């Protein structure tokens, strides 16, 4: 099992979501505890980390396998999720 840490920027992103989207996104987070790399996650190419889809939103996170921790660092709409 992995411990999940929601970093301040991700918490701010969550706080700004409307209720319906918030509920959908928040349901995806606990599943990462059991499986840090679920079949629908994708390793990012431009930066270190992974992304997990939740509708039109993306959970961006990094995995520390040694410490068994997951750090969710952003939760953004797909058009805004990836740096340019």
PDB file of N, CA and C in Angstrom:
ATOM      1  N   UNK A   1       0.840  -1.188   0.000  1.00  0.00           N
ATOM      2  CA  UNK A   1       0.000   0.000   0.000  1.00  0.00           C
ATOM      3  C   UNK A   1       0.884   1.251   0.000  1.00  0.00           C
ATOM      4  N   UNK A   2       0.447   2.231  -0.753  1.00  0.00           N
ATOM      5  CA  UNK A   2       1.130   3.514  -0.829  1.00  0.00           C
ATOM      6  C   UNK A   2       0.369   4.549  -0.010  1.00  0.00           C
ATOM      7  N   UNK A   3       1.114   5.453   0.625  1.00  0.00           N
ATOM      8  CA  UNK A   3       0.505   6.599   1.278  1.00  0.00           C
ATOM      9  C   UNK A   3       0.329   7.677   0.221  1.00  0.00           C
ATOM     10  N   UNK A   4      -0.770   8.387   0.276  1.00  0.00           N
ATOM     11  CA  UNK A   4      -1.045   9.419  -0.710  1.00  0.00           C
ATOM     12  C   UNK A   4      -0.934  10.794  -0.049  1.00  0.00           C
ATOM     13  N   UNK A   5      -0.158  11.658  -0.689  1.00  0.00           N
ATOM     14  CA  UNK A   5       0.022  13.029  -0.218  1.00  0.00           C
ATOM     15  C   UNK A   5      -0.493  13.978  -1.281  1.00  0.00           C
ATOM     16  N   UNK A   6      -1.366  14.866  -0.879  1.00  0.00           N
ATOM     17  CA  UNK A   6      -1.918  15.872  -1.764  1.00  0.00           C
ATOM     18  C   UNK A   6      -1.151  17.169  -1.513  1.00  0.00           C
ATOM     19  N   UNK A   7      -0.342  17.570  -2.473  1.00  0.00           N
ATOM     20  CA  UNK A   7       0.472  18.771  -2.306  1.00  0.00           C
ATOM     21  C   UNK A   7      -0.407  20.020  -2.384  1.00  0.00           C
ATOM     22  N   UNK A   8       0.050  21.144  -1.809  1.00  0.00           N
ATOM     23  CA  UNK A   8      -0.789  22.352  -1.731  1.00  0.00           C
ATOM     24  C   UNK A   8      -1.370  22.810  -3.070  1.00  0.00           C
ATOM     25  N   UNK A   9      -0.616  22.749  -4.139  1.00  0.00           N
ATOM     26  CA  UNK A   9      -1.146  23.176  -5.446  1.00  0.00           C
ATOM     27  C   UNK A   9      -2.302  22.282  -5.884  1.00  0.00           C
ATOM     28  N   UNK A  10      -2.189  20.981  -5.616  1.00  0.00           N
ATOM     29  CA  UNK A  10      -3.264  20.045  -5.962  1.00  0.00           C
ATOM     30  C   UNK A  10      -4.491  20.291  -5.084  1.00  0.00           C
ATOM     31  N   UNK A  11      -4.268  20.596  -3.814  1.00  0.00           N
ATOM     32  CA  UNK A  11      -5.389  20.906  -2.923  1.00  0.00           C
ATOM     33  C   UNK A  11      -6.123  22.148  -3.417  1.00  0.00           C
ATOM     34  N   UNK A  12      -5.380  23.145  -3.854  1.00  0.00           N
ATOM     35  CA  UNK A  12      -5.988  24.358  -4.389  1.00  0.00           C
ATOM     36  C   UNK A  12      -6.792  24.040  -5.648  1.00  0.00           C
ATOM     37  N   UNK A  13      -6.232  23.188  -6.517  1.00  0.00           N
ATOM     38  CA  UNK A  13      -6.951  22.776  -7.719  1.00  0.00           C
ATOM     39  C   UNK A  13      -8.268  22.089  -7.352  1.00  0.00           C
ATOM     40  N   UNK A  14      -8.221  21.207  -6.364  1.00  0.00           N
ATOM     41  CA  UNK A  14      -9.430  20.506  -5.914  1.00  0.00           C
ATOM     42  C   UNK A  14     -10.468  21.482  -5.375  1.00  0.00           C
ATOM     43  N   UNK A  15     -10.021  22.437  -4.584  1.00  0.00           N
ATOM     44  CA  UNK A  15     -10.923  23.406  -3.971  1.00  0.00           C
ATOM     45  C   UNK A  15     -11.661  24.242  -5.016  1.00  0.00           C
ATOM     46  N   UNK A  16     -11.065  24.398  -6.185  1.00  0.00           N
ATOM     47  CA  UNK A  16     -11.657  25.232  -7.230  1.00  0.00           C
ATOM     48  C   UNK A  16     -12.616  24.467  -8.149  1.00  0.00           C
ATOM     49  N   UNK A  17     -12.700  23.151  -8.001  1.00  0.00           N
ATOM     50  CA  UNK A  17     -13.578  22.355  -8.853  1.00  0.00           C
ATOM     51  C   UNK A  17     -15.033  22.483  -8.424  1.00  0.00           C
ATOM     52  N   UNK A  18     -15.922  22.420  -9.403  1.00  0.00           N
ATOM     53  CA  UNK A  18     -17.341  22.404  -9.060  1.00  0.00           C
ATOM     54  C   UNK A  18     -17.679  21.039  -8.450  1.00  0.00           C
ATOM     55  N   UNK A  19     -18.736  20.983  -7.697  1.00  0.00           N
ATOM     56  CA  UNK A  19     -19.094  19.822  -6.885  1.00  0.00           C
ATOM     57  C   UNK A  19     -19.141  18.510  -7.670  1.00  0.00           C
ATOM     58  N   UNK A  20     -19.788  18.507  -8.825  1.00  0.00           N
ATOM     59  CA  UNK A  20     -19.939  17.282  -9.609  1.00  0.00           C
ATOM     60  C   UNK A  20     -18.588  16.740 -10.057  1.00  0.00           C
ATOM     61  N   UNK A  21     -17.710  17.615 -10.513  1.00  0.00           N
ATOM     62  CA  UNK A  21     -16.378  17.211 -10.972  1.00  0.00           C
ATOM     63  C   UNK A  21     -15.518  16.803  -9.774  1.00  0.00           C
ATOM     64  N   UNK A  22     -15.635  17.548  -8.689  1.00  0.00           N
ATOM     65  CA  UNK A  22     -14.899  17.225  -7.465  1.00  0.00           C
ATOM     66  C   UNK A  22     -15.174  15.788  -7.031  1.00  0.00           C
ATOM     67  N   UNK A  23     -16.444  15.400  -7.012  1.00  0.00           N
ATOM     68  CA  UNK A  23     -16.814  14.056  -6.579  1.00  0.00           C
ATOM     69  C   UNK A  23     -16.206  12.984  -7.475  1.00  0.00           C
ATOM     70  N   UNK A  24     -16.187  13.218  -8.774  1.00  0.00           N
ATOM     71  CA  UNK A  24     -15.630  12.246  -9.715  1.00  0.00           C
ATOM     72  C   UNK A  24     -14.117  12.118  -9.522  1.00  0.00           C
ATOM     73  N   UNK A  25     -13.454  13.253  -9.364  1.00  0.00           N
ATOM     74  CA  UNK A  25     -11.992  13.244  -9.204  1.00  0.00           C
ATOM     75  C   UNK A  25     -11.594  12.593  -7.883  1.00  0.00           C
ATOM     76  N   UNK A  26     -12.274  12.956  -6.819  1.00  0.00           N
ATOM     77  CA  UNK A  26     -11.903  12.466  -5.484  1.00  0.00           C
ATOM     78  C   UNK A  26     -12.075  10.945  -5.382  1.00  0.00           C
ATOM     79  N   UNK A  27     -12.954  10.362  -6.181  1.00  0.00           N
ATOM     80  CA  UNK A  27     -13.149   8.901  -6.160  1.00  0.00           C
ATOM     81  C   UNK A  27     -11.955   8.161  -6.742  1.00  0.00           C
ATOM     82  N   UNK A  28     -11.171   8.801  -7.589  1.00  0.00           N
ATOM     83  CA  UNK A  28     -10.018   8.135  -8.212  1.00  0.00           C
ATOM     84  C   UNK A  28      -8.810   8.048  -7.274  1.00  0.00           C
ATOM     85  N   UNK A  29      -8.709   8.959  -6.344  1.00  0.00           N
ATOM     86  CA  UNK A  29      -7.505   9.064  -5.513  1.00  0.00           C
ATOM     87  C   UNK A  29      -7.252   7.827  -4.642  1.00  0.00           C
ATOM     88  N   UNK A  30      -8.224   7.304  -3.905  1.00  0.00           N
ATOM     89  CA  UNK A  30      -7.937   6.144  -3.043  1.00  0.00           C
ATOM     90  C   UNK A  30      -7.438   4.908  -3.795  1.00  0.00           C
ATOM     91  N   UNK A  31      -7.838   4.750  -5.040  1.00  0.00           N
ATOM     92  CA  UNK A  31      -7.410   3.576  -5.798  1.00  0.00           C
ATOM     93  C   UNK A  31      -5.903   3.564  -6.024  1.00  0.00           C
ATOM     94  N   UNK A  32      -5.270   4.734  -6.006  1.00  0.00           N
ATOM     95  CA  UNK A  32      -3.815   4.799  -6.186  1.00  0.00           C
ATOM     96  C   UNK A  32      -3.068   4.153  -5.024  1.00  0.00           C
ATOM     97  N   UNK A  33      -3.681   4.128  -3.868  1.00  0.00           N
ATOM     98  CA  UNK A  33      -3.036   3.547  -2.697  1.00  0.00           C
ATOM     99  C   UNK A  33      -2.707   2.074  -2.921  1.00  0.00           C
ATOM    100  N   UNK A  34      -3.601   1.355  -3.559  1.00  0.00           N
ATOM    101  CA  UNK A  34      -3.399  -0.072  -3.805  1.00  0.00           C
ATOM    102  C   UNK A  34      -2.600  -0.338  -5.072  1.00  0.00           C
ATOM    103  N   UNK A  35      -2.746   0.535  -6.069  1.00  0.00           N
ATOM    104  CA  UNK A  35      -2.074   0.338  -7.350  1.00  0.00           C
ATOM    105  C   UNK A  35      -1.583   1.687  -7.857  1.00  0.00           C
ATOM    106  N   UNK A  36      -0.307   1.963  -7.662  1.00  0.00           N
ATOM    107  CA  UNK A  36       0.262   3.265  -8.031  1.00  0.00           C
ATOM    108  C   UNK A  36       0.308   3.480  -9.538  1.00  0.00           C
ATOM    109  N   UNK A  37       0.270   2.392 -10.280  1.00  0.00           N
ATOM    110  CA  UNK A  37       0.332   2.481 -11.746  1.00  0.00           C
ATOM    111  C   UNK A  37      -0.824   1.678 -12.356  1.00  0.00           C
ATOM    112  N   UNK A  38      -2.066   2.161 -12.176  1.00  0.00           N
ATOM    113  CA  UNK A  38      -3.199   1.416 -12.728  1.00  0.00           C
ATOM    114  C   UNK A  38      -3.114   1.350 -14.251  1.00  0.00           C
ATOM    115  N   UNK A  39      -3.859   0.437 -14.836  1.00  0.00           N
ATOM    116  CA  UNK A  39      -3.770   0.207 -16.282  1.00  0.00           C
ATOM    117  C   UNK A  39      -4.101   1.449 -17.101  1.00  0.00           C
ATOM    118  N   UNK A  40      -4.892   2.374 -16.563  1.00  0.00           N
ATOM    119  CA  UNK A  40      -5.240   3.572 -17.319  1.00  0.00           C
ATOM    120  C   UNK A  40      -4.377   4.786 -16.976  1.00  0.00           C
ATOM    121  N   UNK A  41      -3.294   4.574 -16.227  1.00  0.00           N
ATOM    122  CA  UNK A  41      -2.357   5.676 -15.969  1.00  0.00           C
ATOM    123  C   UNK A  41      -1.348   5.724 -17.112  1.00  0.00           C
ATOM    124  N   UNK A  42      -0.686   6.854 -17.235  1.00  0.00           N
ATOM    125  CA  UNK A  42       0.275   7.029 -18.311  1.00  0.00           C
ATOM    126  C   UNK A  42       1.501   7.743 -17.767  1.00  0.00           C
ATOM    127  N   UNK A  43       2.682   7.239 -18.096  1.00  0.00           N
ATOM    128  CA  UNK A  43       3.924   7.902 -17.694  1.00  0.00           C
ATOM    129  C   UNK A  43       4.091   9.143 -18.553  1.00  0.00           C
ATOM    130  N   UNK A  44       4.398  10.258 -17.904  1.00  0.00           N
ATOM    131  CA  UNK A  44       4.583  11.510 -18.626  1.00  0.00           C
ATOM    132  C   UNK A  44       5.920  11.511 -19.354  1.00  0.00           C
ATOM    133  N   UNK A  45       5.980  12.189 -20.478  1.00  0.00           N
ATOM    134  CA  UNK A  45       7.225  12.235 -21.248  1.00  0.00           C
ATOM    135  C   UNK A  45       7.967  13.550 -21.077  1.00  0.00           C
ATOM    136  N   UNK A  46       7.252  14.644 -20.882  1.00  0.00           N
ATOM    137  CA  UNK A  46       7.906  15.954 -20.756  1.00  0.00           C
ATOM    138  C   UNK A  46       8.401  16.257 -19.355  1.00  0.00           C
ATOM    139  N   UNK A  47       7.883  15.553 -18.384  1.00  0.00           N
ATOM    140  CA  UNK A  47       8.294  15.759 -16.997  1.00  0.00           C
ATOM    141  C   UNK A  47       8.206  14.430 -16.255  1.00  0.00           C
ATOM    142  N   UNK A  48       8.783  14.399 -15.085  1.00  0.00           N
ATOM    143  CA  UNK A  48       8.750  13.187 -14.272  1.00  0.00           C
ATOM    144  C   UNK A  48       7.354  13.012 -13.686  1.00  0.00           C
ATOM    145  N   UNK A  49       6.836  11.823 -13.743  1.00  0.00           N
ATOM    146  CA  UNK A  49       5.562  11.553 -13.108  1.00  0.00           C
ATOM    147  C   UNK A  49       4.609  10.793 -13.991  1.00  0.00           C
ATOM    148  N   UNK A  50       3.386  10.705 -13.513  1.00  0.00           N
ATOM    149  CA  UNK A  50       2.321   9.967 -14.181  1.00  0.00           C
ATOM    150  C   UNK A  50       1.068  10.820 -14.207  1.00  0.00           C
ATOM    151  N   UNK A  51       0.132  10.403 -15.071  1.00  0.00           N
ATOM    152  CA  UNK A  51      -1.162  11.064 -15.087  1.00  0.00           C
ATOM    153  C   UNK A  51      -2.246  10.013 -15.044  1.00  0.00           C
ATOM    154  N   UNK A  52      -3.324  10.382 -14.391  1.00  0.00           N
ATOM    155  CA  UNK A  52      -4.490   9.518 -14.292  1.00  0.00           C
ATOM    156  C   UNK A  52      -5.694  10.337 -14.737  1.00  0.00           C
ATOM    157  N   UNK A  53      -6.469   9.793 -15.662  1.00  0.00           N
ATOM    158  CA  UNK A  53      -7.636  10.495 -16.179  1.00  0.00           C
ATOM    159  C   UNK A  53      -8.827  10.349 -15.254  1.00  0.00           C
ATOM    160  N   UNK A  54      -9.581  11.431 -15.177  1.00  0.00           N
ATOM    161  CA  UNK A  54     -10.874  11.416 -14.508  1.00  0.00           C
ATOM    162  C   UNK A  54     -11.777  12.325 -15.336  1.00  0.00           C
ATOM    163  N   UNK A  55     -12.437  11.765 -16.322  1.00  0.00           N
ATOM    164  CA  UNK A  55     -13.220  12.570 -17.260  1.00  0.00           C
ATOM    165  C   UNK A  55     -12.290  13.488 -18.031  1.00  0.00           C
ATOM    166  N   UNK A  56     -12.605  14.775 -18.027  1.00  0.00           N
ATOM    167  CA  UNK A  56     -11.765  15.761 -18.716  1.00  0.00           C
ATOM    168  C   UNK A  56     -10.639  16.285 -17.835  1.00  0.00           C
ATOM    169  N   UNK A  57     -10.510  15.752 -16.633  1.00  0.00           N
ATOM    170  CA  UNK A  57      -9.481  16.213 -15.698  1.00  0.00           C
ATOM    171  C   UNK A  57      -8.357  15.194 -15.573  1.00  0.00           C
ATOM    172  N   UNK A  58      -7.185  15.690 -15.214  1.00  0.00           N
ATOM    173  CA  UNK A  58      -6.006  14.853 -15.076  1.00  0.00           C
ATOM    174  C   UNK A  58      -5.415  15.038 -13.682  1.00  0.00           C
ATOM    175  N   UNK A  59      -5.127  13.919 -13.028  1.00  0.00           N
ATOM    176  CA  UNK A  59      -4.400  13.923 -11.765  1.00  0.00           C
ATOM    177  C   UNK A  59      -2.940  13.677 -12.116  1.00  0.00           C
ATOM    178  N   UNK A  60      -2.074  14.601 -11.805  1.00  0.00           N
ATOM    179  CA  UNK A  60      -0.654  14.461 -12.083  1.00  0.00           C
ATOM    180  C   UNK A  60       0.051  14.121 -10.779  1.00  0.00           C
ATOM    181  N   UNK A  61       0.847  13.062 -10.820  1.00  0.00           N
ATOM    182  CA  UNK A  61       1.458  12.600  -9.572  1.00  0.00           C
ATOM    183  C   UNK A  61       2.822  11.974  -9.813  1.00  0.00           C
ATOM    184  N   UNK A  62       3.590  11.936  -8.728  1.00  0.00           N
ATOM    185  CA  UNK A  62       4.900  11.278  -8.736  1.00  0.00           C
ATOM    186  C   UNK A  62       4.869  10.144  -7.724  1.00  0.00           C
ATOM    187  N   UNK A  63       5.666   9.126  -7.997  1.00  0.00           N
ATOM    188  CA  UNK A  63       5.715   7.947  -7.138  1.00  0.00           C
ATOM    189  C   UNK A  63       7.100   7.819  -6.530  1.00  0.00           C
ATOM    190  N   UNK A  64       7.146   7.604  -5.217  1.00  0.00           N
ATOM    191  CA  UNK A  64       8.390   7.292  -4.521  1.00  0.00           C
ATOM    192  C   UNK A  64       8.245   5.848  -4.048  1.00  0.00           C
ATOM    193  N   UNK A  65       8.744   4.914  -4.871  1.00  0.00           N
ATOM    194  CA  UNK A  65       8.580   3.494  -4.552  1.00  0.00           C
ATOM    195  C   UNK A  65       9.324   3.100  -3.282  1.00  0.00           C
ATOM    196  N   UNK A  66      10.477   3.711  -3.033  1.00  0.00           N
ATOM    197  CA  UNK A  66      11.247   3.377  -1.841  1.00  0.00           C
ATOM    198  C   UNK A  66      10.488   3.684  -0.557  1.00  0.00           C
ATOM    199  N   UNK A  67       9.850   4.837  -0.517  1.00  0.00           N
ATOM    200  CA  UNK A  67       9.094   5.249   0.669  1.00  0.00           C
ATOM    201  C   UNK A  67       7.628   4.819   0.602  1.00  0.00           C
ATOM    202  N   UNK A  68       7.234   4.229  -0.544  1.00  0.00           N
ATOM    203  CA  UNK A  68       5.847   3.800  -0.765  1.00  0.00           C
ATOM    204  C   UNK A  68       4.891   4.993  -0.607  1.00  0.00           C
ATOM    205  N   UNK A  69       5.221   6.088  -1.317  1.00  0.00           N
ATOM    206  CA  UNK A  69       4.412   7.304  -1.254  1.00  0.00           C
ATOM    207  C   UNK A  69       4.067   7.788  -2.657  1.00  0.00           C
ATOM    208  N   UNK A  70       2.895   8.383  -2.754  1.00  0.00           N
ATOM    209  CA  UNK A  70       2.451   9.028  -3.986  1.00  0.00           C
ATOM    210  C   UNK A  70       2.190  10.485  -3.664  1.00  0.00           C
ATOM    211  N   UNK A  71       2.748  11.360  -4.488  1.00  0.00           N
ATOM    212  CA  UNK A  71       2.574  12.798  -4.314  1.00  0.00           C
ATOM    213  C   UNK A  71       1.753  13.334  -5.483  1.00  0.00           C
ATOM    214  N   UNK A  72       0.512  13.714  -5.213  1.00  0.00           N
ATOM    215  CA  UNK A  72      -0.326  14.316  -6.247  1.00  0.00           C
ATOM    216  C   UNK A  72       0.002  15.803  -6.249  1.00  0.00           C
ATOM    217  N   UNK A  73       0.505  16.296  -7.396  1.00  0.00           N
ATOM    218  CA  UNK A  73       0.957  17.682  -7.418  1.00  0.00           C
ATOM    219  C   UNK A  73       0.072  18.619  -8.221  1.00  0.00           C
ATOM    220  N   UNK A  74      -0.787  18.123  -9.093  1.00  0.00           N
ATOM    221  CA  UNK A  74      -1.732  18.986  -9.812  1.00  0.00           C
ATOM    222  C   UNK A  74      -2.969  18.189 -10.172  1.00  0.00           C
ATOM    223  N   UNK A  75      -4.094  18.884 -10.262  1.00  0.00           N
ATOM    224  CA  UNK A  75      -5.348  18.332 -10.762  1.00  0.00           C
ATOM    225  C   UNK A  75      -5.917  19.400 -11.675  1.00  0.00           C
ATOM    226  N   UNK A  76      -5.829  19.153 -12.978  1.00  0.00           N
ATOM    227  CA  UNK A  76      -6.176  20.190 -13.946  1.00  0.00           C
ATOM    228  C   UNK A  76      -7.044  19.634 -15.065  1.00  0.00           C
ATOM    229  N   UNK A  77      -7.760  20.547 -15.732  1.00  0.00           N
ATOM    230  CA  UNK A  77      -8.493  20.189 -16.945  1.00  0.00           C
ATOM    231  C   UNK A  77      -7.468  19.774 -17.987  1.00  0.00           C
ATOM    232  N   UNK A  78      -7.839  18.865 -18.846  1.00  0.00           N
ATOM    233  CA  UNK A  78      -6.878  18.302 -19.798  1.00  0.00           C
ATOM    234  C   UNK A  78      -6.213  19.356 -20.671  1.00  0.00           C
ATOM    235  N   UNK A  79      -6.907  20.430 -21.000  1.00  0.00           N
ATOM    236  CA  UNK A  79      -6.303  21.465 -21.847  1.00  0.00           C
ATOM    237  C   UNK A  79      -5.249  22.283 -21.099  1.00  0.00           C
ATOM    238  N   UNK A  80      -5.287  22.258 -19.772  1.00  0.00           N
ATOM    239  CA  UNK A  80      -4.352  23.037 -18.959  1.00  0.00           C
ATOM    240  C   UNK A  80      -3.330  22.183 -18.216  1.00  0.00           C
ATOM    241  N   UNK A  81      -3.434  20.871 -18.322  1.00  0.00           N
ATOM    242  CA  UNK A  81      -2.660  19.975 -17.450  1.00  0.00           C
ATOM    243  C   UNK A  81      -1.180  19.888 -17.767  1.00  0.00           C
ATOM    244  N   UNK A  82      -0.821  20.052 -19.016  1.00  0.00           N
ATOM    245  CA  UNK A  82       0.562  19.787 -19.384  1.00  0.00           C
ATOM    246  C   UNK A  82       1.280  21.074 -19.742  1.00  0.00           C
ATOM    247  N   UNK A  83       2.506  21.238 -19.168  1.00  0.00           N
ATOM    248  CA  UNK A  83       3.317  22.419 -19.452  1.00  0.00           C
ATOM    249  C   UNK A  83       3.752  22.464 -20.889  1.00  0.00           C
ATOM    250  N   UNK A  84       3.998  23.653 -21.345  1.00  0.00           N
ATOM    251  CA  UNK A  84       4.424  23.809 -22.746  1.00  0.00           C
ATOM    252  C   UNK A  84       5.873  24.191 -22.836  1.00  0.00           C
TER     253      UNK A  84
END
